[in-house]
């Protein structure tokens, strides 16, 4: 195996990073966290009491979401990873006192991304074409109605 070989997992994370950046997220590593750097911060390998989550999303310095990254071959089975995403979403975060589970949940291969709003009455994932902008999640957090009842989601 040559040094230039990139694993499928690394390729998926590179695509996810690119998609997040296009949506306006700042990407940070777990050892260099600055939640004041912008409105939306995606932190790689953030430690939870269930182990490191691939990405934890912060909006306005508050944890709001989690992304479970999977290699491209997992695209057809992405829904089978929702339990893992939920486990991280319901875990306690290191360096942060969070009593609520993270509302927004994603599974992504970098090519296929599924999204769940855990506040939907019957929450289930759906395929999305891009990650939402931090401003969008910020607005959704202010709304009382779940997204499926809110016409602004259409």
C-alpha atoms as a PDB file:
ATOM      1  CA  UNK A   1       0.000   0.000   0.000  1.00  0.00           C
ATOM      2  CA  UNK A   2       1.482   3.353  -1.020  1.00  0.00           C
ATOM      3  CA  UNK A   3       1.513   6.519   1.069  1.00  0.00           C
ATOM      4  CA  UNK A   4      -0.784   8.166  -1.470  1.00  0.00           C
ATOM      5  CA  UNK A   5      -3.590   5.622  -0.851  1.00  0.00           C
ATOM      6  CA  UNK A   6      -6.526   7.278   0.836  1.00  0.00           C
ATOM      7  CA  UNK A   7      -8.963   5.016   2.658  1.00  0.00           C
ATOM      8  CA  UNK A   8     -12.691   5.177   1.820  1.00  0.00           C
ATOM      9  CA  UNK A   9     -13.336   6.544   5.325  1.00  0.00           C
ATOM     10  CA  UNK A  10     -10.895   9.426   4.799  1.00  0.00           C
ATOM     11  CA  UNK A  11     -12.433  10.204   1.389  1.00  0.00           C
ATOM     12  CA  UNK A  12     -15.899  10.303   2.956  1.00  0.00           C
ATOM     13  CA  UNK A  13     -14.740  12.690   5.669  1.00  0.00           C
ATOM     14  CA  UNK A  14     -13.045  14.925   3.089  1.00  0.00           C
ATOM     15  CA  UNK A  15     -16.322  15.162   1.146  1.00  0.00           C
ATOM     16  CA  UNK A  16     -18.283  15.812   4.330  1.00  0.00           C
ATOM     17  CA  UNK A  17     -15.833  18.585   5.270  1.00  0.00           C
ATOM     18  CA  UNK A  18     -16.259  20.148   1.813  1.00  0.00           C
ATOM     19  CA  UNK A  19     -20.065  19.957   2.061  1.00  0.00           C
ATOM     20  CA  UNK A  20     -20.058  21.506   5.535  1.00  0.00           C
ATOM     21  CA  UNK A  21     -17.768  24.336   4.417  1.00  0.00           C
ATOM     22  CA  UNK A  22     -20.028  25.041   1.396  1.00  0.00           C
ATOM     23  CA  UNK A  23     -22.958  25.301   3.816  1.00  0.00           C
ATOM     24  CA  UNK A  24     -21.087  27.856   5.953  1.00  0.00           C
ATOM     25  CA  UNK A  25     -19.710  25.677   8.756  1.00  0.00           C
ATOM     26  CA  UNK A  26     -16.226  26.138  10.195  1.00  0.00           C
ATOM     27  CA  UNK A  27     -14.438  22.809  10.709  1.00  0.00           C
ATOM     28  CA  UNK A  28     -12.309  22.347  13.809  1.00  0.00           C
ATOM     29  CA  UNK A  29     -10.372  19.475  15.324  1.00  0.00           C
ATOM     30  CA  UNK A  30     -11.042  18.277  18.854  1.00  0.00           C
ATOM     31  CA  UNK A  31      -7.689  19.564  20.116  1.00  0.00           C
ATOM     32  CA  UNK A  32      -8.166  23.139  18.811  1.00  0.00           C
ATOM     33  CA  UNK A  33     -11.684  24.216  19.705  1.00  0.00           C
ATOM     34  CA  UNK A  34     -12.779  27.843  19.446  1.00  0.00           C
ATOM     35  CA  UNK A  35     -16.568  28.131  19.597  1.00  0.00           C
ATOM     36  CA  UNK A  36     -16.284  31.908  19.184  1.00  0.00           C
ATOM     37  CA  UNK A  37     -14.785  31.564  15.691  1.00  0.00           C
ATOM     38  CA  UNK A  38     -18.183  31.752  13.980  1.00  0.00           C
ATOM     39  CA  UNK A  39     -21.890  30.968  14.193  1.00  0.00           C
ATOM     40  CA  UNK A  40     -21.603  27.345  13.042  1.00  0.00           C
ATOM     41  CA  UNK A  41     -18.750  25.123  14.187  1.00  0.00           C
ATOM     42  CA  UNK A  42     -18.376  21.440  13.267  1.00  0.00           C
ATOM     43  CA  UNK A  43     -15.886  19.689  15.536  1.00  0.00           C
ATOM     44  CA  UNK A  44     -14.315  16.435  14.366  1.00  0.00           C
ATOM     45  CA  UNK A  45     -14.000  13.463  16.746  1.00  0.00           C
ATOM     46  CA  UNK A  46     -15.677  15.253  19.648  1.00  0.00           C
ATOM     47  CA  UNK A  47     -15.564  13.140  22.794  1.00  0.00           C
ATOM     48  CA  UNK A  48     -18.834  11.937  24.318  1.00  0.00           C
ATOM     49  CA  UNK A  49     -19.443   9.478  27.129  1.00  0.00           C
ATOM     50  CA  UNK A  50     -20.219   6.938  24.362  1.00  0.00           C
ATOM     51  CA  UNK A  51     -16.919   7.542  22.571  1.00  0.00           C
ATOM     52  CA  UNK A  52     -15.876  10.084  19.939  1.00  0.00           C
ATOM     53  CA  UNK A  53     -18.616  11.309  17.595  1.00  0.00           C
ATOM     54  CA  UNK A  54     -17.424  11.923  14.051  1.00  0.00           C
ATOM     55  CA  UNK A  55     -18.733  15.509  14.153  1.00  0.00           C
ATOM     56  CA  UNK A  56     -20.634  17.539  16.719  1.00  0.00           C
ATOM     57  CA  UNK A  57     -22.328  20.660  15.356  1.00  0.00           C
ATOM     58  CA  UNK A  58     -22.437  23.836  17.434  1.00  0.00           C
ATOM     59  CA  UNK A  59     -24.593  26.839  16.598  1.00  0.00           C
ATOM     60  CA  UNK A  60     -23.963  30.013  18.555  1.00  0.00           C
ATOM     61  CA  UNK A  61     -21.710  28.036  20.961  1.00  0.00           C
ATOM     62  CA  UNK A  62     -24.420  25.453  21.754  1.00  0.00           C
ATOM     63  CA  UNK A  63     -24.325  21.804  20.676  1.00  0.00           C
ATOM     64  CA  UNK A  64     -27.244  21.123  18.319  1.00  0.00           C
ATOM     65  CA  UNK A  65     -26.354  18.192  16.095  1.00  0.00           C
ATOM     66  CA  UNK A  66     -24.251  15.170  15.311  1.00  0.00           C
ATOM     67  CA  UNK A  67     -22.948  13.675  12.082  1.00  0.00           C
ATOM     68  CA  UNK A  68     -22.048  10.008  11.792  1.00  0.00           C
ATOM     69  CA  UNK A  69     -19.635   9.593   8.876  1.00  0.00           C
ATOM     70  CA  UNK A  70     -19.631   6.343   6.948  1.00  0.00           C
ATOM     71  CA  UNK A  71     -17.614   5.053   4.004  1.00  0.00           C
ATOM     72  CA  UNK A  72     -19.369   5.269   0.629  1.00  0.00           C
ATOM     73  CA  UNK A  73     -20.179   1.543   0.533  1.00  0.00           C
ATOM     74  CA  UNK A  74     -22.502   2.087   3.498  1.00  0.00           C
ATOM     75  CA  UNK A  75     -24.759   4.409   1.490  1.00  0.00           C
ATOM     76  CA  UNK A  76     -27.344   1.704   0.820  1.00  0.00           C
ATOM     77  CA  UNK A  77     -27.427   0.830   4.530  1.00  0.00           C
ATOM     78  CA  UNK A  78     -27.221   4.339   5.948  1.00  0.00           C
ATOM     79  CA  UNK A  79     -30.460   4.008   7.913  1.00  0.00           C
ATOM     80  CA  UNK A  80     -28.986   1.054   9.798  1.00  0.00           C
ATOM     81  CA  UNK A  81     -26.568   3.508  11.450  1.00  0.00           C
ATOM     82  CA  UNK A  82     -29.276   5.757  12.909  1.00  0.00           C
ATOM     83  CA  UNK A  83     -29.053   4.006  16.281  1.00  0.00           C
ATOM     84  CA  UNK A  84     -25.358   4.844  16.474  1.00  0.00           C
ATOM     85  CA  UNK A  85     -26.088   8.481  15.627  1.00  0.00           C
ATOM     86  CA  UNK A  86     -28.811   8.583  18.300  1.00  0.00           C
ATOM     87  CA  UNK A  87     -26.428   7.093  20.854  1.00  0.00           C
ATOM     88  CA  UNK A  88     -24.022  10.000  20.310  1.00  0.00           C
ATOM     89  CA  UNK A  89     -26.870  12.536  20.216  1.00  0.00           C
ATOM     90  CA  UNK A  90     -28.098  11.356  23.612  1.00  0.00           C
ATOM     91  CA  UNK A  91     -24.635  11.174  25.212  1.00  0.00           C
ATOM     92  CA  UNK A  92     -23.040  13.715  27.497  1.00  0.00           C
ATOM     93  CA  UNK A  93     -20.407  15.816  25.778  1.00  0.00           C
ATOM     94  CA  UNK A  94     -16.942  16.305  27.199  1.00  0.00           C
ATOM     95  CA  UNK A  95     -16.264  19.890  28.339  1.00  0.00           C
ATOM     96  CA  UNK A  96     -19.935  20.766  28.048  1.00  0.00           C
ATOM     97  CA  UNK A  97     -22.860  20.476  30.437  1.00  0.00           C
ATOM     98  CA  UNK A  98     -25.650  19.298  28.192  1.00  0.00           C
ATOM     99  CA  UNK A  99     -28.868  17.935  29.636  1.00  0.00           C
ATOM    100  CA  UNK A 100     -30.751  17.643  26.358  1.00  0.00           C
ATOM    101  CA  UNK A 101     -30.042  15.311  23.497  1.00  0.00           C
ATOM    102  CA  UNK A 102     -28.818  16.833  20.250  1.00  0.00           C
ATOM    103  CA  UNK A 103     -31.794  17.609  18.048  1.00  0.00           C
ATOM    104  CA  UNK A 104     -30.337  17.372  14.536  1.00  0.00           C
ATOM    105  CA  UNK A 105     -28.904  14.037  13.421  1.00  0.00           C
ATOM    106  CA  UNK A 106     -27.117  13.116  10.222  1.00  0.00           C
ATOM    107  CA  UNK A 107     -25.594  10.030   8.663  1.00  0.00           C
ATOM    108  CA  UNK A 108     -23.390  10.757   5.662  1.00  0.00           C
ATOM    109  CA  UNK A 109     -21.042   9.076   3.230  1.00  0.00           C
ATOM    110  CA  UNK A 110     -20.103  12.389   1.657  1.00  0.00           C
ATOM    111  CA  UNK A 111     -22.264  11.447  -1.327  1.00  0.00           C
ATOM    112  CA  UNK A 112     -25.484  10.468   0.447  1.00  0.00           C
ATOM    113  CA  UNK A 113     -26.680  12.285   3.563  1.00  0.00           C
ATOM    114  CA  UNK A 114     -29.697  11.465   5.689  1.00  0.00           C
ATOM    115  CA  UNK A 115     -31.173  13.955   8.162  1.00  0.00           C
ATOM    116  CA  UNK A 116     -33.442  13.518  11.181  1.00  0.00           C
ATOM    117  CA  UNK A 117     -35.013  16.169  13.388  1.00  0.00           C
ATOM    118  CA  UNK A 118     -35.580  14.361  16.674  1.00  0.00           C
ATOM    119  CA  UNK A 119     -38.333  16.854  17.567  1.00  0.00           C
ATOM    120  CA  UNK A 120     -40.587  15.619  14.785  1.00  0.00           C
ATOM    121  CA  UNK A 121     -43.573  13.814  16.273  1.00  0.00           C
ATOM    122  CA  UNK A 122     -42.659  10.658  14.368  1.00  0.00           C
ATOM    123  CA  UNK A 123     -39.042  11.319  13.593  1.00  0.00           C
ATOM    124  CA  UNK A 124     -37.516   9.469  10.698  1.00  0.00           C
ATOM    125  CA  UNK A 125     -34.616  10.257   8.456  1.00  0.00           C
ATOM    126  CA  UNK A 126     -34.825  11.588   4.944  1.00  0.00           C
ATOM    127  CA  UNK A 127     -32.243  12.145   2.251  1.00  0.00           C
ATOM    128  CA  UNK A 128     -31.052  15.723   1.872  1.00  0.00           C
ATOM    129  CA  UNK A 129     -28.925  17.194  -0.882  1.00  0.00           C
ATOM    130  CA  UNK A 130     -26.727  19.357   1.336  1.00  0.00           C
ATOM    131  CA  UNK A 131     -26.177  20.122   4.990  1.00  0.00           C
ATOM    132  CA  UNK A 132     -28.292  22.959   6.311  1.00  0.00           C
ATOM    133  CA  UNK A 133     -26.596  26.265   7.008  1.00  0.00           C
ATOM    134  CA  UNK A 134     -25.928  27.175  10.642  1.00  0.00           C
ATOM    135  CA  UNK A 135     -28.409  30.063  10.256  1.00  0.00           C
ATOM    136  CA  UNK A 136     -31.111  27.604   9.175  1.00  0.00           C
ATOM    137  CA  UNK A 137     -30.604  25.385  12.205  1.00  0.00           C
ATOM    138  CA  UNK A 138     -30.568  28.487  14.396  1.00  0.00           C
ATOM    139  CA  UNK A 139     -33.982  29.513  13.011  1.00  0.00           C
ATOM    140  CA  UNK A 140     -35.429  26.011  13.378  1.00  0.00           C
ATOM    141  CA  UNK A 141     -34.349  25.935  17.027  1.00  0.00           C
ATOM    142  CA  UNK A 142     -36.497  29.036  17.652  1.00  0.00           C
ATOM    143  CA  UNK A 143     -39.659  27.444  16.213  1.00  0.00           C
ATOM    144  CA  UNK A 144     -42.107  25.613  18.435  1.00  0.00           C
ATOM    145  CA  UNK A 145     -43.533  23.352  15.729  1.00  0.00           C
ATOM    146  CA  UNK A 146     -41.605  20.329  14.475  1.00  0.00           C
ATOM    147  CA  UNK A 147     -40.191  20.691  10.969  1.00  0.00           C
ATOM    148  CA  UNK A 148     -42.743  18.345   9.378  1.00  0.00           C
ATOM    149  CA  UNK A 149     -45.546  20.673  10.538  1.00  0.00           C
ATOM    150  CA  UNK A 150     -43.693  23.813   9.491  1.00  0.00           C
ATOM    151  CA  UNK A 151     -44.238  24.873   5.885  1.00  0.00           C
ATOM    152  CA  UNK A 152     -40.893  26.719   5.729  1.00  0.00           C
ATOM    153  CA  UNK A 153     -39.170  23.328   5.430  1.00  0.00           C
ATOM    154  CA  UNK A 154     -40.751  22.553   2.044  1.00  0.00           C
END
